[in-house]
Protein backbone atom coordinates (compact mmCIF):
# COMPACT_ATOMS: atom_id res chain seq x y z
CA UNK A 1 114.43 86.66 38.36
CA UNK A 2 113.07 89.30 40.75
CA UNK A 3 110.93 88.55 43.75
CA UNK A 4 109.47 90.52 46.55
CA UNK A 5 108.88 88.77 49.79
CA UNK A 6 106.75 90.69 52.32
CA UNK A 7 106.32 89.40 55.86
CA UNK A 8 103.68 90.74 58.30
CA UNK A 9 100.64 89.88 60.39
CA UNK A 10 96.92 90.60 60.25
CA UNK A 11 95.40 91.44 63.51
CA UNK A 12 92.01 91.47 65.02
CA UNK A 13 92.91 93.13 68.37
CA UNK A 14 95.20 95.81 69.43
CA UNK A 15 99.01 95.38 69.90
CA UNK A 16 101.68 97.61 71.06
CA UNK A 17 103.91 97.19 68.03
CA UNK A 18 104.62 95.33 64.77
CA UNK A 19 107.71 94.86 62.59
CA UNK A 20 107.23 94.14 58.86
CA UNK A 21 109.93 92.95 56.66
CA UNK A 22 110.35 93.05 52.83
CA UNK A 23 113.10 91.02 51.17
CA UNK A 24 113.51 91.51 47.41
CA UNK A 25 115.68 89.00 45.61
CA UNK A 26 117.29 88.98 42.25
CA UNK A 27 118.27 92.60 42.35
CA UNK A 28 121.05 94.72 43.61
CA UNK A 29 119.16 95.76 46.62
CA UNK A 30 121.41 98.56 47.71
CA UNK A 31 120.74 100.71 44.80
CA UNK A 32 116.93 100.46 45.06
CA UNK A 33 114.57 102.84 46.88
CA UNK A 34 112.27 101.07 49.13
CA UNK A 35 109.00 102.10 50.66
CA UNK A 36 106.08 101.01 52.74
CA UNK A 37 102.64 102.06 51.50
CA UNK A 38 99.09 101.45 52.77
CA UNK A 39 95.72 101.36 51.11
CA UNK A 40 92.24 101.65 52.62
CA UNK A 41 89.27 100.27 50.77
CA UNK A 42 88.32 102.54 47.80
CA UNK A 43 91.51 104.76 48.30
CA UNK A 44 94.73 105.21 46.48
CA UNK A 45 97.71 103.49 47.88
CA UNK A 46 99.53 106.09 49.84
CA UNK A 47 103.09 106.36 51.24
CA UNK A 48 103.69 105.47 54.90
CA UNK A 49 107.45 105.43 54.86
CA UNK A 50 110.21 105.86 52.37
CA UNK A 51 113.98 105.11 52.46
CA UNK A 52 116.20 105.88 49.51
CA UNK A 53 119.08 103.85 48.41
CA UNK A 54 121.22 106.49 50.14
CA UNK A 55 119.30 106.18 53.36
CA UNK A 56 117.25 109.31 53.31
CA UNK A 57 113.82 108.84 54.92
CA UNK A 58 110.39 110.20 54.56
CA UNK A 59 107.20 109.63 56.63
CA UNK A 60 103.59 110.33 56.43
CA UNK A 61 102.59 112.96 58.96
CA UNK A 62 100.26 110.53 60.60
CA UNK A 63 102.98 108.08 61.39
CA UNK A 64 105.84 110.38 62.40
CA UNK A 65 107.26 109.59 65.75
CA UNK A 66 105.57 106.15 65.75
CA UNK A 67 106.89 104.32 62.70
CA UNK A 68 110.39 103.88 61.57
CA UNK A 69 111.75 102.48 58.28
CA UNK A 70 115.14 101.01 58.02
CA UNK A 71 117.16 98.90 55.58
CA UNK A 72 119.90 96.11 56.03
CA UNK A 73 121.71 95.90 52.82
CA UNK A 74 123.70 92.91 53.95
CA UNK A 75 120.39 91.06 54.43
CA UNK A 76 118.65 92.72 51.39
CA UNK A 77 115.80 93.63 53.63
CA UNK A 78 113.84 96.74 54.54
CA UNK A 79 111.88 96.98 57.70
CA UNK A 80 108.93 99.05 58.98
CA UNK A 81 108.82 99.14 62.75
CA UNK A 82 105.20 100.22 63.87
CA UNK A 83 104.92 101.43 67.41
CA UNK A 84 101.93 102.77 69.31
CA UNK A 85 99.43 101.39 66.79
CA UNK A 86 96.01 103.11 66.62
CA UNK A 87 92.72 102.18 64.99
CA UNK A 88 93.62 104.70 62.32
CA UNK A 89 96.41 102.50 61.20
CA UNK A 90 94.12 99.81 60.04
CA UNK A 91 94.91 99.15 56.41
CA UNK A 92 96.56 96.80 53.99
CA UNK A 93 100.31 97.56 53.95
CA UNK A 94 102.45 96.98 50.93
CA UNK A 95 106.22 96.96 50.39
CA UNK A 96 107.48 98.82 47.28
CA UNK A 97 110.76 98.84 45.39
CA UNK A 98 111.76 101.21 42.83
CA UNK A 99 114.61 101.84 40.49
CA UNK A 100 113.98 104.38 37.82
CA UNK A 101 110.97 103.02 35.96
CA UNK A 102 111.01 99.63 37.50
CA UNK A 103 108.40 99.12 40.31
CA UNK A 104 107.48 96.08 42.35
CA UNK A 105 104.92 95.69 44.98
CA UNK A 106 104.64 93.09 47.76
CA UNK A 107 101.43 90.96 48.20
CA UNK A 108 100.12 93.20 50.98
CA UNK A 109 99.37 92.45 54.58
CA UNK A 110 96.04 93.48 56.39
CA UNK A 111 96.68 95.31 59.72
CA UNK A 112 93.46 95.63 61.75
CA UNK A 113 93.73 97.63 65.06
CA UNK A 114 90.55 97.85 67.22
CA UNK A 115 89.42 97.66 70.86
């Protein structure tokens, strides 16, 4: 039994920051690569932030310096801290886990940033 639980919030007005959490179950979390993706209507899902099982990170250029991905293996949880949110960050955000050919997506959370 493998489950991916994604927590977040949908917004209709600007906020300073958000923290998303993703907590897979039924896996050995520490050996999985984890990522956060976002998808605009009609577009491919694209990488926002990535953290490998070894702790290496990678970010989309558009979020560098504003977003931080981290993982807590003791809690089997990956986080995405999103600071200085902009209207351009409006998208549906998805958690992703991967080990070799195994891929699992979270249900997606809408983030809407506007004035």
